[in-house]
Amino acid sequence: FPVTIRQRAKRAITSTTKTLITNNATGGVTDTTRLGAIWNVANSKFLINDLNAMYVLRLTYKLTTGSGAYVQWELEGGSTPALIAGSNGIHPSGTISHTVVFPIVLTLAINNTDLKLHLTTTANADLFDVFFLIQRVYKET
């Protein structure tokens, strides 16, 4: 079953600052029936303990900028945090809705460790309507 987390509140993102994405799972629709340890609200991290499984993290969000910006998403994890997956792109001025998909293969290096999502932009921006969908798509038997 997928786990969904949504937060509608706007958050200011400062230009060139690597910002940890937080989501307290309020202000929207949240399915917490299988949330368990997958999302830690207090520390804004994913914690998946399912060695040799593959998950997909789908991130949908809205971003508003006054001018065009380069946007960089980074999913980091492991005991010595390392880049697991990333996404880069150009964001035009105005408010645009985006979707980014991160594949996560739970190897020994990142299984049962904190997975954190960061955003960096080249212009000040407002981030809102953040929606996470986490779903296991494969499990090695």
Protein backbone atom coordinates (compact mmCIF):
# COMPACT_ATOMS: atom_id res chain seq x y z
CA PHE A 1 0.00 0.00 0.00
CA PRO A 2 1.25 3.49 -0.70
CA VAL A 3 1.76 6.08 2.01
CA THR A 4 0.73 9.65 1.29
CA ILE A 5 1.68 12.82 3.15
CA ARG A 6 0.51 16.30 2.21
CA GLN A 7 1.07 19.80 3.54
CA ARG A 8 -0.43 22.89 1.95
CA ALA A 9 1.26 25.70 3.92
CA LYS A 10 3.65 28.01 2.04
CA ARG A 11 7.32 27.91 2.92
CA ALA A 12 9.86 30.53 1.88
CA ILE A 13 12.96 29.09 0.17
CA THR A 14 16.01 31.37 0.21
CA SER A 15 18.11 31.58 -2.94
CA THR A 16 21.21 29.30 -3.03
CA THR A 17 20.42 27.80 0.40
CA LYS A 18 20.21 24.00 0.63
CA THR A 19 16.88 23.62 2.46
CA LEU A 20 15.67 20.50 4.25
CA ILE A 21 12.11 19.77 3.15
CA THR A 22 9.83 19.42 6.13
CA ASN A 23 6.29 18.18 6.10
CA ASN A 24 4.34 17.80 9.31
CA ALA A 25 1.51 16.00 7.51
CA THR A 26 -1.08 18.61 8.43
CA GLY A 27 -3.29 20.89 6.41
CA GLY A 28 -4.23 18.26 3.88
CA VAL A 29 -5.11 14.66 3.25
CA THR A 30 -2.84 12.16 4.94
CA ASP A 31 -3.09 8.38 4.89
CA THR A 32 -1.29 7.30 8.04
CA THR A 33 -2.56 3.73 8.11
CA ARG A 34 0.87 2.44 7.06
CA LEU A 35 2.95 5.48 7.94
CA GLY A 36 4.64 3.88 10.92
CA ALA A 37 8.35 4.63 10.83
CA ILE A 38 8.41 5.60 7.14
CA TRP A 39 8.04 9.35 7.81
CA ASN A 40 9.39 10.92 10.98
CA VAL A 41 7.43 14.17 11.42
CA ALA A 42 9.71 15.53 14.17
CA ASN A 43 12.94 15.12 12.14
CA SER A 44 11.63 15.45 8.55
CA LYS A 45 13.12 12.19 7.34
CA PHE A 46 12.12 8.93 5.77
CA LEU A 47 13.15 5.74 7.54
CA ILE A 48 12.52 2.61 5.51
CA ASN A 49 13.71 -0.76 6.80
CA ASP A 50 13.13 -3.18 3.94
CA LEU A 51 16.53 -4.42 2.67
CA ASN A 52 16.68 -5.25 -1.05
CA ALA A 53 13.35 -3.64 -1.79
CA MET A 54 12.74 -0.87 -4.31
CA TYR A 55 10.52 2.08 -3.51
CA VAL A 56 9.37 5.03 -5.54
CA LEU A 57 9.07 8.42 -3.89
CA ARG A 58 6.82 10.70 -5.90
CA LEU A 59 7.00 14.35 -4.92
CA THR A 60 4.39 16.78 -6.23
CA TYR A 61 4.64 20.44 -5.28
CA LYS A 62 3.99 24.02 -6.33
CA LEU A 63 6.73 26.61 -6.51
CA THR A 64 6.39 30.35 -7.04
CA THR A 65 9.30 32.55 -8.13
CA GLY A 66 9.40 36.16 -9.26
CA SER A 67 11.95 35.29 -11.91
CA GLY A 68 13.12 32.09 -13.52
CA ALA A 69 15.19 29.80 -11.30
CA TYR A 70 17.31 26.68 -11.51
CA VAL A 71 15.87 24.08 -9.12
CA GLN A 72 17.84 21.18 -7.63
CA TRP A 73 16.28 18.36 -5.55
CA GLU A 74 18.50 15.96 -3.62
CA LEU A 75 17.52 12.81 -1.73
CA GLU A 76 20.32 11.89 0.65
CA GLY A 77 20.80 8.94 2.96
CA GLY A 78 23.16 6.57 4.65
CA SER A 79 25.20 6.72 7.84
CA THR A 80 27.51 9.14 6.03
CA PRO A 81 24.87 11.04 4.03
CA ALA A 82 25.35 10.59 0.30
CA LEU A 83 23.26 11.47 -2.72
CA ILE A 84 20.79 8.67 -3.52
CA ALA A 85 18.80 10.43 -6.23
CA GLY A 86 18.48 13.92 -7.62
CA SER A 87 16.56 16.05 -10.05
CA ASN A 88 17.51 19.34 -11.69
CA GLY A 89 15.57 21.71 -13.86
CA ILE A 90 14.66 25.22 -14.88
CA HIS A 91 11.61 26.80 -13.27
CA PRO A 92 9.97 29.70 -15.11
CA SER A 93 8.64 32.72 -13.23
CA GLY A 94 5.20 32.46 -11.66
CA THR A 95 3.50 29.54 -9.92
CA ILE A 96 4.05 26.13 -11.48
CA SER A 97 3.06 22.65 -10.31
CA HIS A 98 5.77 19.98 -10.63
CA THR A 99 6.21 16.26 -10.08
CA VAL A 100 9.55 14.58 -9.39
CA VAL A 101 10.01 10.82 -9.04
CA PHE A 102 12.90 9.29 -7.10
CA PRO A 103 13.69 5.57 -7.28
CA ILE A 104 15.04 4.22 -3.98
CA VAL A 105 16.80 0.86 -3.87
CA LEU A 106 17.34 -0.10 -0.24
CA THR A 107 20.87 -1.40 -0.27
CA LEU A 108 22.77 -2.20 2.90
CA ALA A 109 24.30 1.31 2.81
CA ILE A 110 20.95 3.11 3.18
CA ASN A 111 18.59 0.52 4.67
CA ASN A 112 17.25 1.66 8.05
CA THR A 113 19.02 5.04 7.84
CA ASP A 114 17.62 8.55 7.59
CA LEU A 115 16.64 9.64 4.08
CA LYS A 116 16.29 13.40 3.77
CA LEU A 117 15.05 15.56 0.92
CA HIS A 118 16.65 18.94 0.15
CA LEU A 119 15.80 21.75 -2.26
CA THR A 120 18.15 24.44 -3.60
CA THR A 121 17.06 27.20 -5.99
CA THR A 122 18.90 30.07 -7.65
CA ALA A 123 16.11 32.54 -6.77
CA ASN A 124 13.94 33.15 -3.72
CA ALA A 125 10.78 31.07 -3.95
CA ASP A 126 7.66 29.92 -2.12
CA LEU A 127 7.13 26.16 -1.86
CA PHE A 128 3.64 24.83 -1.09
CA ASP A 129 1.17 22.01 -1.70
CA VAL A 130 3.94 19.50 -0.98
CA PHE A 131 2.71 15.94 -1.47
CA PHE A 132 4.75 12.76 -0.92
CA LEU A 133 3.66 9.37 -2.21
CA ILE A 134 5.88 6.45 -1.17
CA GLN A 135 5.23 3.04 -2.65
CA ARG A 136 7.13 -0.24 -2.65
CA VAL A 137 7.35 -1.53 -6.21
CA TYR A 138 9.64 -4.54 -5.78
CA LYS A 139 10.93 -6.83 -3.02
CA GLU A 140 13.65 -9.41 -3.58
CA THR A 141 12.66 -12.70 -2.01
